[in-house]
Amino acid sequence: MRMGKSLVFDASDVNDAVEGGEYCVVAFQAGDLGFEFLNRRVSLVRQGDQADLRGVLVGWETISVQGFDVESDTEIYTEIQKFHRVLESFCVVFRTTAPLPTESDIFGDSKTDEGGMEKEHEAQETIVP
């Protein structure tokens, strides 16, 4: 266990670091964490494992691992592995409620198609015979 470094975060530090939604800081021990993630969101929580016992829920978004902001599943995995290798405890900050989706969340970052033409984002009318 890392000496001299607290695993407790001040909630105001978390809220200053990230915008939108509510947050939860969860301390984990090295070992089986009991959750899986996809696109930074918790996709599975195994009953009886660390994540379940600490109240982690499916859908929560992973924001940071021990103070390192993560922007991809690869970064989450890499940061968690650093602590597993040395058998140290660490904290994960989750966003427990999501902010409203932006246009880029809905349509992607690019508004042009492969040929460079601007994409049309109109609702398709469904005709039922």
Foldseek 3Di string as FASTA:
>chain_A
DDPPDDQDDDLVVVPVVDDDAHKDKAKDWQDDCQFDDAQQFTQGGHPPHNCVVRPNDGGWGWQDKQPHGDRHPVVVVVSSVVCNVVRGMIMIMTRPDGGDDDPCNVVNDDQADPVRHGHDDDDDDDDDD
